[in-house]
Amino acid sequence: MPIYRAVLDGHVVAESDATVAVEGNRYFPLDAIGPGVLEPTWMRSLCYWKGVARYFHVTAGGRTVRHAAWTYRHPSPLARRIKGHVAFWPGDVQVEVVDGT
C-alpha cells in the first residue's frame, strides 16, 4: 500500500499508508497529522453529497496557512469512508507519494 505525505514549505505535516482518495483530494487519518499542525477555525462549507466540512489553519515551520485543511466530522452515508480524515488545500500543502510499494 502506498505511503502518502503532506508537506508545507518542506515540513511534513502528515504521513500515512491509510489515506482515502476522494474527488482528487487525499484524506489523511487524524492520527497521521503532526502535533500542533491543525488549529480549528469557524469556517464551514456544504457539499451536496459529503455534508458539512469544518476547516483548520495549518501551521508548520513558523508559517500558518489559513483554512488550508478540512474534515467532515459527520459525513453523509455516501462519504462515510472519509470520517475521521483530513484533507489539505493543494495550493499550499503538497501531497506526495513517499513509497509506492
PDB file of N, CA and C in Angstrom:
ATOM      1  N   MET A   1       0.843  -1.176   0.000  1.00  0.00           N
ATOM      2  CA  MET A   1       0.000   0.000   0.000  1.00  0.00           C
ATOM      3  C   MET A   1       0.893   1.246   0.000  1.00  0.00           C
ATOM      4  N   PRO A   2       0.606   2.222  -0.840  1.00  0.00           N
ATOM      5  CA  PRO A   2       1.456   3.418  -0.907  1.00  0.00           C
ATOM      6  C   PRO A   2       1.397   4.252   0.372  1.00  0.00           C
ATOM      7  N   ILE A   3       2.483   4.917   0.658  1.00  0.00           N
ATOM      8  CA  ILE A   3       2.555   5.861   1.777  1.00  0.00           C
ATOM      9  C   ILE A   3       2.509   7.260   1.182  1.00  0.00           C
ATOM     10  N   TYR A   4       1.622   8.094   1.722  1.00  0.00           N
ATOM     11  CA  TYR A   4       1.490   9.475   1.264  1.00  0.00           C
ATOM     12  C   TYR A   4       1.961  10.411   2.360  1.00  0.00           C
ATOM     13  N   ARG A   5       2.476  11.557   1.926  1.00  0.00           N
ATOM     14  CA  ARG A   5       2.988  12.572   2.836  1.00  0.00           C
ATOM     15  C   ARG A   5       2.420  13.926   2.408  1.00  0.00           C
ATOM     16  N   ALA A   6       2.004  14.731   3.381  1.00  0.00           N
ATOM     17  CA  ALA A   6       1.572  16.108   3.136  1.00  0.00           C
ATOM     18  C   ALA A   6       2.665  17.028   3.663  1.00  0.00           C
ATOM     19  N   VAL A   7       3.084  17.993   2.822  1.00  0.00           N
ATOM     20  CA  VAL A   7       4.236  18.841   3.138  1.00  0.00           C
ATOM     21  C   VAL A   7       3.871  20.310   2.945  1.00  0.00           C
ATOM     22  N   LEU A   8       4.233  21.135   3.915  1.00  0.00           N
ATOM     23  CA  LEU A   8       4.073  22.585   3.831  1.00  0.00           C
ATOM     24  C   LEU A   8       5.450  23.216   3.945  1.00  0.00           C
ATOM     25  N   ASP A   9       5.897  23.856   2.901  1.00  0.00           N
ATOM     26  CA  ASP A   9       7.214  24.527   2.897  1.00  0.00           C
ATOM     27  C   ASP A   9       8.341  23.616   3.364  1.00  0.00           C
ATOM     28  N   GLY A  10       8.330  22.372   2.920  1.00  0.00           N
ATOM     29  CA  GLY A  10       9.392  21.434   3.264  1.00  0.00           C
ATOM     30  C   GLY A  10       9.214  20.739   4.602  1.00  0.00           C
ATOM     31  N   HIS A  11       8.159  21.051   5.337  1.00  0.00           N
ATOM     32  CA  HIS A  11       7.894  20.436   6.635  1.00  0.00           C
ATOM     33  C   HIS A  11       6.757  19.422   6.494  1.00  0.00           C
ATOM     34  N   VAL A  12       6.988  18.207   6.947  1.00  0.00           N
ATOM     35  CA  VAL A  12       5.973  17.159   6.885  1.00  0.00           C
ATOM     36  C   VAL A  12       4.900  17.444   7.934  1.00  0.00           C
ATOM     37  N   VAL A  13       3.647  17.534   7.474  1.00  0.00           N
ATOM     38  CA  VAL A  13       2.533  17.776   8.391  1.00  0.00           C
ATOM     39  C   VAL A  13       1.682  16.525   8.594  1.00  0.00           C
ATOM     40  N   ALA A  14       1.795  15.554   7.668  1.00  0.00           N
ATOM     41  CA  ALA A  14       1.051  14.296   7.793  1.00  0.00           C
ATOM     42  C   ALA A  14       1.727  13.231   6.948  1.00  0.00           C
ATOM     43  N   GLU A  15       1.608  11.977   7.404  1.00  0.00           N
ATOM     44  CA  GLU A  15       2.147  10.853   6.639  1.00  0.00           C
ATOM     45  C   GLU A  15       1.367   9.597   7.012  1.00  0.00           C
ATOM     46  N   SER A  16       0.929   8.837   5.983  1.00  0.00           N
ATOM     47  CA  SER A  16       0.133   7.648   6.269  1.00  0.00           C
ATOM     48  C   SER A  16       0.050   6.721   5.070  1.00  0.00           C
ATOM     49  N   ASP A  17      -0.169   5.439   5.375  1.00  0.00           N
ATOM     50  CA  ASP A  17      -0.458   4.462   4.329  1.00  0.00           C
ATOM     51  C   ASP A  17      -1.948   4.110   4.345  1.00  0.00           C
ATOM     52  N   ALA A  18      -2.736   4.887   5.098  1.00  0.00           N
ATOM     53  CA  ALA A  18      -4.177   4.625   5.211  1.00  0.00           C
ATOM     54  C   ALA A  18      -4.993   5.831   4.765  1.00  0.00           C
ATOM     55  N   THR A  19      -4.572   6.483   3.686  1.00  0.00           N
ATOM     56  CA  THR A  19      -5.303   7.637   3.182  1.00  0.00           C
ATOM     57  C   THR A  19      -6.468   7.175   2.304  1.00  0.00           C
ATOM     58  N   VAL A  20      -7.377   8.111   2.046  1.00  0.00           N
ATOM     59  CA  VAL A  20      -8.536   7.848   1.193  1.00  0.00           C
ATOM     60  C   VAL A  20      -8.572   8.926   0.119  1.00  0.00           C
ATOM     61  N   ALA A  21      -8.726   8.528  -1.140  1.00  0.00           N
ATOM     62  CA  ALA A  21      -8.803   9.481  -2.249  1.00  0.00           C
ATOM     63  C   ALA A  21     -10.268   9.738  -2.595  1.00  0.00           C
ATOM     64  N   VAL A  22     -10.648  11.025  -2.588  1.00  0.00           N
ATOM     65  CA  VAL A  22     -11.995  11.435  -2.968  1.00  0.00           C
ATOM     66  C   VAL A  22     -11.894  12.743  -3.743  1.00  0.00           C
ATOM     67  N   GLU A  23     -12.442  12.755  -4.934  1.00  0.00           N
ATOM     68  CA  GLU A  23     -12.505  13.953  -5.775  1.00  0.00           C
ATOM     69  C   GLU A  23     -11.153  14.640  -5.921  1.00  0.00           C
ATOM     70  N   GLY A  24     -10.102  13.873  -6.131  1.00  0.00           N
ATOM     71  CA  GLY A  24      -8.777  14.439  -6.351  1.00  0.00           C
ATOM     72  C   GLY A  24      -8.046  14.878  -5.103  1.00  0.00           C
ATOM     73  N   ASN A  25      -8.657  14.709  -3.942  1.00  0.00           N
ATOM     74  CA  ASN A  25      -8.012  15.045  -2.673  1.00  0.00           C
ATOM     75  C   ASN A  25      -7.660  13.771  -1.924  1.00  0.00           C
ATOM     76  N   ARG A  26      -6.560  13.823  -1.189  1.00  0.00           N
ATOM     77  CA  ARG A  26      -6.094  12.693  -0.391  1.00  0.00           C
ATOM     78  C   ARG A  26      -6.422  13.014   1.059  1.00  0.00           C
ATOM     79  N   TYR A  27      -7.270  12.209   1.692  1.00  0.00           N
ATOM     80  CA  TYR A  27      -7.682  12.399   3.080  1.00  0.00           C
ATOM     81  C   TYR A  27      -6.811  11.541   3.993  1.00  0.00           C
ATOM     82  N   PHE A  28      -6.199  12.186   4.993  1.00  0.00           N
ATOM     83  CA  PHE A  28      -5.308  11.525   5.947  1.00  0.00           C
ATOM     84  C   PHE A  28      -6.055  11.251   7.247  1.00  0.00           C
ATOM     85  N   PRO A  29      -5.803  10.092   7.870  1.00  0.00           N
ATOM     86  CA  PRO A  29      -6.410   9.851   9.190  1.00  0.00           C
ATOM     87  C   PRO A  29      -5.939  10.913  10.182  1.00  0.00           C
ATOM     88  N   LEU A  30      -6.805  11.272  11.105  1.00  0.00           N
ATOM     89  CA  LEU A  30      -6.446  12.299  12.092  1.00  0.00           C
ATOM     90  C   LEU A  30      -5.185  11.961  12.867  1.00  0.00           C
ATOM     91  N   ASP A  31      -4.960  10.682  13.162  1.00  0.00           N
ATOM     92  CA  ASP A  31      -3.768  10.322  13.931  1.00  0.00           C
ATOM     93  C   ASP A  31      -2.480  10.390  13.103  1.00  0.00           C
ATOM     94  N   ALA A  32      -2.592  10.683  11.809  1.00  0.00           N
ATOM     95  CA  ALA A  32      -1.413  10.838  10.955  1.00  0.00           C
ATOM     96  C   ALA A  32      -0.936  12.284  10.889  1.00  0.00           C
ATOM     97  N   ILE A  33      -1.695  13.192  11.488  1.00  0.00           N
ATOM     98  CA  ILE A  33      -1.362  14.619  11.456  1.00  0.00           C
ATOM     99  C   ILE A  33      -0.414  14.927  12.608  1.00  0.00           C
ATOM    100  N   GLY A  34       0.644  15.675  12.315  1.00  0.00           N
ATOM    101  CA  GLY A  34       1.617  16.032  13.344  1.00  0.00           C
ATOM    102  C   GLY A  34       0.999  16.894  14.437  1.00  0.00           C
ATOM    103  N   PRO A  35       1.568  16.846  15.647  1.00  0.00           N
ATOM    104  CA  PRO A  35       1.050  17.662  16.753  1.00  0.00           C
ATOM    105  C   PRO A  35       1.232  19.148  16.470  1.00  0.00           C
ATOM    106  N   GLY A  36       0.222  19.936  16.820  1.00  0.00           N
ATOM    107  CA  GLY A  36       0.294  21.383  16.664  1.00  0.00           C
ATOM    108  C   GLY A  36       0.128  21.878  15.241  1.00  0.00           C
ATOM    109  N   VAL A  37      -0.184  21.001  14.314  1.00  0.00           N
ATOM    110  CA  VAL A  37      -0.316  21.388  12.898  1.00  0.00           C
ATOM    111  C   VAL A  37      -1.667  22.031  12.622  1.00  0.00           C
ATOM    112  N   LEU A  38      -2.732  21.475  13.182  1.00  0.00           N
ATOM    113  CA  LEU A  38      -4.084  21.940  12.884  1.00  0.00           C
ATOM    114  C   LEU A  38      -4.647  22.822  13.990  1.00  0.00           C
ATOM    115  N   GLU A  39      -5.253  23.930  13.577  1.00  0.00           N
ATOM    116  CA  GLU A  39      -5.960  24.820  14.506  1.00  0.00           C
ATOM    117  C   GLU A  39      -7.371  25.018  13.954  1.00  0.00           C
ATOM    118  N   PRO A  40      -8.404  24.606  14.697  1.00  0.00           N
ATOM    119  CA  PRO A  40      -9.773  24.735  14.197  1.00  0.00           C
ATOM    120  C   PRO A  40     -10.143  26.181  13.897  1.00  0.00           C
ATOM    121  N   THR A  41     -10.960  26.362  12.867  1.00  0.00           N
ATOM    122  CA  THR A  41     -11.495  27.686  12.528  1.00  0.00           C
ATOM    123  C   THR A  41     -13.013  27.619  12.570  1.00  0.00           C
ATOM    124  N   TRP A  42     -13.645  28.760  12.363  1.00  0.00           N
ATOM    125  CA  TRP A  42     -15.108  28.810  12.330  1.00  0.00           C
ATOM    126  C   TRP A  42     -15.640  28.561  10.924  1.00  0.00           C
ATOM    127  N   MET A  43     -14.770  28.455   9.949  1.00  0.00           N
ATOM    128  CA  MET A  43     -15.215  28.306   8.559  1.00  0.00           C
ATOM    129  C   MET A  43     -15.879  26.941   8.335  1.00  0.00           C
ATOM    130  N   ARG A  44     -16.974  26.964   7.582  1.00  0.00           N
ATOM    131  CA  ARG A  44     -17.693  25.753   7.201  1.00  0.00           C
ATOM    132  C   ARG A  44     -18.082  25.883   5.728  1.00  0.00           C
ATOM    133  N   SER A  45     -18.285  24.736   5.084  1.00  0.00           N
ATOM    134  CA  SER A  45     -18.852  24.730   3.739  1.00  0.00           C
ATOM    135  C   SER A  45     -19.725  23.493   3.608  1.00  0.00           C
ATOM    136  N   LEU A  46     -20.586  23.495   2.610  1.00  0.00           N
ATOM    137  CA  LEU A  46     -21.518  22.397   2.422  1.00  0.00           C
ATOM    138  C   LEU A  46     -21.282  21.751   1.063  1.00  0.00           C
ATOM    139  N   CYS A  47     -21.087  20.453   1.076  1.00  0.00           N
ATOM    140  CA  CYS A  47     -21.002  19.655  -0.146  1.00  0.00           C
ATOM    141  C   CYS A  47     -22.299  18.865  -0.242  1.00  0.00           C
ATOM    142  N   TYR A  48     -22.931  18.895  -1.386  1.00  0.00           N
ATOM    143  CA  TYR A  48     -24.239  18.255  -1.516  1.00  0.00           C
ATOM    144  C   TYR A  48     -24.205  16.748  -1.264  1.00  0.00           C
ATOM    145  N   TRP A  49     -23.049  16.085  -1.441  1.00  0.00           N
ATOM    146  CA  TRP A  49     -23.037  14.634  -1.217  1.00  0.00           C
ATOM    147  C   TRP A  49     -22.151  14.190  -0.051  1.00  0.00           C
ATOM    148  N   LYS A  50     -21.261  15.071   0.439  1.00  0.00           N
ATOM    149  CA  LYS A  50     -20.412  14.686   1.570  1.00  0.00           C
ATOM    150  C   LYS A  50     -20.910  15.242   2.894  1.00  0.00           C
ATOM    151  N   GLY A  51     -21.538  16.405   2.870  1.00  0.00           N
ATOM    152  CA  GLY A  51     -22.034  17.011   4.095  1.00  0.00           C
ATOM    153  C   GLY A  51     -21.348  18.330   4.393  1.00  0.00           C
ATOM    154  N   VAL A  52     -21.240  18.663   5.679  1.00  0.00           N
ATOM    155  CA  VAL A  52     -20.654  19.933   6.131  1.00  0.00           C
ATOM    156  C   VAL A  52     -19.173  19.726   6.440  1.00  0.00           C
ATOM    157  N   ALA A  53     -18.323  20.545   5.799  1.00  0.00           N
ATOM    158  CA  ALA A  53     -16.881  20.500   6.047  1.00  0.00           C
ATOM    159  C   ALA A  53     -16.523  21.535   7.103  1.00  0.00           C
ATOM    160  N   ARG A  54     -15.639  21.149   8.009  1.00  0.00           N
ATOM    161  CA  ARG A  54     -15.074  22.058   9.019  1.00  0.00           C
ATOM    162  C   ARG A  54     -13.610  22.277   8.660  1.00  0.00           C
ATOM    163  N   TYR A  55     -13.133  23.503   8.795  1.00  0.00           N
ATOM    164  CA  TYR A  55     -11.791  23.864   8.332  1.00  0.00           C
ATOM    165  C   TYR A  55     -10.806  24.089   9.475  1.00  0.00           C
ATOM    166  N   PHE A  56      -9.525  24.025   9.103  1.00  0.00           N
ATOM    167  CA  PHE A  56      -8.413  24.245  10.025  1.00  0.00           C
ATOM    168  C   PHE A  56      -7.374  25.139   9.373  1.00  0.00           C
ATOM    169  N   HIS A  57      -6.690  25.940  10.198  1.00  0.00           N
ATOM    170  CA  HIS A  57      -5.452  26.580   9.767  1.00  0.00           C
ATOM    171  C   HIS A  57      -4.371  25.511   9.894  1.00  0.00           C
ATOM    172  N   VAL A  58      -3.385  25.558   9.010  1.00  0.00           N
ATOM    173  CA  VAL A  58      -2.279  24.595   9.030  1.00  0.00           C
ATOM    174  C   VAL A  58      -0.996  25.356   9.332  1.00  0.00           C
ATOM    175  N   THR A  59      -0.243  24.901  10.346  1.00  0.00           N
ATOM    176  CA  THR A  59       0.993  25.555  10.753  1.00  0.00           C
ATOM    177  C   THR A  59       2.153  24.568  10.712  1.00  0.00           C
ATOM    178  N   ALA A  60       3.241  25.007  10.094  1.00  0.00           N
ATOM    179  CA  ALA A  60       4.477  24.213  10.066  1.00  0.00           C
ATOM    180  C   ALA A  60       5.637  25.141   9.746  1.00  0.00           C
ATOM    181  N   GLY A  61       6.750  24.941  10.421  1.00  0.00           N
ATOM    182  CA  GLY A  61       7.948  25.729  10.147  1.00  0.00           C
ATOM    183  C   GLY A  61       7.767  27.215  10.343  1.00  0.00           C
ATOM    184  N   GLY A  62       6.886  27.608  11.250  1.00  0.00           N
ATOM    185  CA  GLY A  62       6.675  29.026  11.526  1.00  0.00           C
ATOM    186  C   GLY A  62       5.688  29.703  10.584  1.00  0.00           C
ATOM    187  N   ARG A  63       5.142  28.973   9.625  1.00  0.00           N
ATOM    188  CA  ARG A  63       4.171  29.546   8.689  1.00  0.00           C
ATOM    189  C   ARG A  63       2.790  28.954   8.963  1.00  0.00           C
ATOM    190  N   THR A  64       1.781  29.814   8.950  1.00  0.00           N
ATOM    191  CA  THR A  64       0.400  29.378   9.099  1.00  0.00           C
ATOM    192  C   THR A  64      -0.368  29.724   7.836  1.00  0.00           C
ATOM    193  N   VAL A  65      -1.054  28.726   7.304  1.00  0.00           N
ATOM    194  CA  VAL A  65      -1.901  28.927   6.132  1.00  0.00           C
ATOM    195  C   VAL A  65      -3.343  28.783   6.586  1.00  0.00           C
ATOM    196  N   ARG A  66      -4.114  29.825   6.388  1.00  0.00           N
ATOM    197  CA  ARG A  66      -5.495  29.858   6.872  1.00  0.00           C
ATOM    198  C   ARG A  66      -6.402  28.955   6.043  1.00  0.00           C
ATOM    199  N   HIS A  67      -7.239  28.225   6.740  1.00  0.00           N
ATOM    200  CA  HIS A  67      -8.280  27.384   6.130  1.00  0.00           C
ATOM    201  C   HIS A  67      -7.704  26.411   5.092  1.00  0.00           C
ATOM    202  N   ALA A  68      -6.542  25.857   5.352  1.00  0.00           N
ATOM    203  CA  ALA A  68      -5.850  25.008   4.376  1.00  0.00           C
ATOM    204  C   ALA A  68      -6.126  23.517   4.561  1.00  0.00           C
ATOM    205  N   ALA A  69      -6.978  23.164   5.517  1.00  0.00           N
ATOM    206  CA  ALA A  69      -7.333  21.754   5.720  1.00  0.00           C
ATOM    207  C   ALA A  69      -8.795  21.685   6.128  1.00  0.00           C
ATOM    208  N   TRP A  70      -9.410  20.536   5.847  1.00  0.00           N
ATOM    209  CA  TRP A  70     -10.809  20.367   6.215  1.00  0.00           C
ATOM    210  C   TRP A  70     -11.117  18.907   6.527  1.00  0.00           C
ATOM    211  N   THR A  71     -12.217  18.737   7.251  1.00  0.00           N
ATOM    212  CA  THR A  71     -12.698  17.402   7.588  1.00  0.00           C
ATOM    213  C   THR A  71     -14.219  17.400   7.556  1.00  0.00           C
ATOM    214  N   TYR A  72     -14.777  16.232   7.408  1.00  0.00           N
ATOM    215  CA  TYR A  72     -16.218  16.031   7.508  1.00  0.00           C
ATOM    216  C   TYR A  72     -16.447  15.192   8.760  1.00  0.00           C
ATOM    217  N   ARG A  73     -16.776  15.851   9.862  1.00  0.00           N
ATOM    218  CA  ARG A  73     -16.938  15.135  11.137  1.00  0.00           C
ATOM    219  C   ARG A  73     -18.105  14.167  11.102  1.00  0.00           C
ATOM    220  N   HIS A  74     -19.145  14.543  10.380  1.00  0.00           N
ATOM    221  CA  HIS A  74     -20.341  13.701  10.260  1.00  0.00           C
ATOM    222  C   HIS A  74     -20.704  13.596   8.780  1.00  0.00           C
ATOM    223  N   PRO A  75     -19.895  12.887   8.003  1.00  0.00           N
ATOM    224  CA  PRO A  75     -20.174  12.814   6.562  1.00  0.00           C
ATOM    225  C   PRO A  75     -21.462  12.035   6.282  1.00  0.00           C
ATOM    226  N   SER A  76     -21.988  12.279   5.109  1.00  0.00           N
ATOM    227  CA  SER A  76     -23.175  11.537   4.687  1.00  0.00           C
ATOM    228  C   SER A  76     -22.806  10.063   4.519  1.00  0.00           C
ATOM    229  N   PRO A  77     -23.798   9.188   4.464  1.00  0.00           N
ATOM    230  CA  PRO A  77     -23.500   7.766   4.264  1.00  0.00           C
ATOM    231  C   PRO A  77     -22.674   7.496   2.999  1.00  0.00           C
ATOM    232  N   LEU A  78     -22.858   8.312   1.969  1.00  0.00           N
ATOM    233  CA  LEU A  78     -22.094   8.126   0.729  1.00  0.00           C
ATOM    234  C   LEU A  78     -20.604   8.399   0.919  1.00  0.00           C
ATOM    235  N   ALA A  79     -20.266   9.222   1.905  1.00  0.00           N
ATOM    236  CA  ALA A  79     -18.869   9.612   2.125  1.00  0.00           C
ATOM    237  C   ALA A  79     -18.324   9.077   3.443  1.00  0.00           C
ATOM    238  N   ARG A  80     -18.919   8.055   3.978  1.00  0.00           N
ATOM    239  CA  ARG A  80     -18.541   7.556   5.312  1.00  0.00           C
ATOM    240  C   ARG A  80     -17.079   7.148   5.423  1.00  0.00           C
ATOM    241  N   ARG A  81     -16.428   6.800   4.319  1.00  0.00           N
ATOM    242  CA  ARG A  81     -15.026   6.373   4.418  1.00  0.00           C
ATOM    243  C   ARG A  81     -14.056   7.516   4.722  1.00  0.00           C
ATOM    244  N   ILE A  82     -14.512   8.791   4.628  1.00  0.00           N
ATOM    245  CA  ILE A  82     -13.624   9.901   4.990  1.00  0.00           C
ATOM    246  C   ILE A  82     -13.860  10.399   6.417  1.00  0.00           C
ATOM    247  N   LYS A  83     -14.747   9.752   7.137  1.00  0.00           N
ATOM    248  CA  LYS A  83     -14.963  10.133   8.542  1.00  0.00           C
ATOM    249  C   LYS A  83     -13.650   9.933   9.308  1.00  0.00           C
ATOM    250  N   GLY A  84     -13.275  10.927  10.111  1.00  0.00           N
ATOM    251  CA  GLY A  84     -12.034  10.847  10.876  1.00  0.00           C
ATOM    252  C   GLY A  84     -10.796  11.120  10.048  1.00  0.00           C
ATOM    253  N   HIS A  85     -10.966  11.730   8.875  1.00  0.00           N
ATOM    254  CA  HIS A  85      -9.848  12.045   7.984  1.00  0.00           C
ATOM    255  C   HIS A  85      -9.821  13.542   7.674  1.00  0.00           C
ATOM    256  N   VAL A  86      -8.641  14.022   7.295  1.00  0.00           N
ATOM    257  CA  VAL A  86      -8.431  15.430   6.977  1.00  0.00           C
ATOM    258  C   VAL A  86      -7.770  15.531   5.608  1.00  0.00           C
ATOM    259  N   ALA A  87      -8.246  16.482   4.799  1.00  0.00           N
ATOM    260  CA  ALA A  87      -7.626  16.770   3.501  1.00  0.00           C
ATOM    261  C   ALA A  87      -6.985  18.148   3.555  1.00  0.00           C
ATOM    262  N   PHE A  88      -6.029  18.382   2.661  1.00  0.00           N
ATOM    263  CA  PHE A  88      -5.283  19.641   2.632  1.00  0.00           C
ATOM    264  C   PHE A  88      -5.483  20.356   1.304  1.00  0.00           C
ATOM    265  N   TRP A  89      -5.534  21.688   1.370  1.00  0.00           N
ATOM    266  CA  TRP A  89      -5.678  22.507   0.176  1.00  0.00           C
ATOM    267  C   TRP A  89      -4.425  22.357  -0.688  1.00  0.00           C
ATOM    268  N   PRO A  90      -4.572  21.866  -1.919  1.00  0.00           N
ATOM    269  CA  PRO A  90      -3.397  21.545  -2.740  1.00  0.00           C
ATOM    270  C   PRO A  90      -2.569  22.748  -3.178  1.00  0.00           C
ATOM    271  N   GLY A  91      -3.112  23.949  -3.100  1.00  0.00           N
ATOM    272  CA  GLY A  91      -2.333  25.117  -3.488  1.00  0.00           C
ATOM    273  C   GLY A  91      -1.229  25.448  -2.504  1.00  0.00           C
ATOM    274  N   ASP A  92      -1.379  25.031  -1.258  1.00  0.00           N
ATOM    275  CA  ASP A  92      -0.414  25.351  -0.211  1.00  0.00           C
ATOM    276  C   ASP A  92       0.310  24.124   0.323  1.00  0.00           C
ATOM    277  N   VAL A  93      -0.411  23.059   0.521  1.00  0.00           N
ATOM    278  CA  VAL A  93       0.156  21.832   1.071  1.00  0.00           C
ATOM    279  C   VAL A  93       0.288  20.815  -0.060  1.00  0.00           C
ATOM    280  N   GLN A  94       1.483  20.356  -0.288  1.00  0.00           N
ATOM    281  CA  GLN A  94       1.748  19.395  -1.358  1.00  0.00           C
ATOM    282  C   GLN A  94       1.613  17.976  -0.818  1.00  0.00           C
ATOM    283  N   VAL A  95       0.844  17.148  -1.513  1.00  0.00           N
ATOM    284  CA  VAL A  95       0.703  15.746  -1.145  1.00  0.00           C
ATOM    285  C   VAL A  95       1.507  14.928  -2.149  1.00  0.00           C
ATOM    286  N   GLU A  96       2.388  14.083  -1.628  1.00  0.00           N
ATOM    287  CA  GLU A  96       3.272  13.302  -2.481  1.00  0.00           C
ATOM    288  C   GLU A  96       3.300  11.852  -2.036  1.00  0.00           C
ATOM    289  N   VAL A  97       3.635  10.972  -2.984  1.00  0.00           N
ATOM    290  CA  VAL A  97       3.785   9.567  -2.668  1.00  0.00           C
ATOM    291  C   VAL A  97       5.224   9.355  -2.183  1.00  0.00           C
ATOM    292  N   VAL A  98       5.368   8.782  -0.995  1.00  0.00           N
ATOM    293  CA  VAL A  98       6.688   8.509  -0.428  1.00  0.00           C
ATOM    294  C   VAL A  98       7.192   7.162  -0.894  1.00  0.00           C
ATOM    295  N   ASP A  99       6.287   6.177  -0.849  1.00  0.00           N
ATOM    296  CA  ASP A  99       6.649   4.806  -1.224  1.00  0.00           C
ATOM    297  C   ASP A  99       5.448   4.202  -1.930  1.00  0.00           C
ATOM    298  N   GLY A 100       5.632   3.820  -3.164  1.00  0.00           N
ATOM    299  CA  GLY A 100       4.536   3.298  -3.956  1.00  0.00           C
ATOM    300  C   GLY A 100       4.386   1.803  -3.902  1.00  0.00           C
ATOM    301  N   THR A 101       5.093   1.110  -3.019  1.00  0.00           N
ATOM    302  CA  THR A 101       5.001  -0.358  -2.960  1.00  0.00           C
ATOM    303  C   THR A 101       3.830  -0.814  -2.152  1.00  0.00           C
TER     304      THR A 101
END
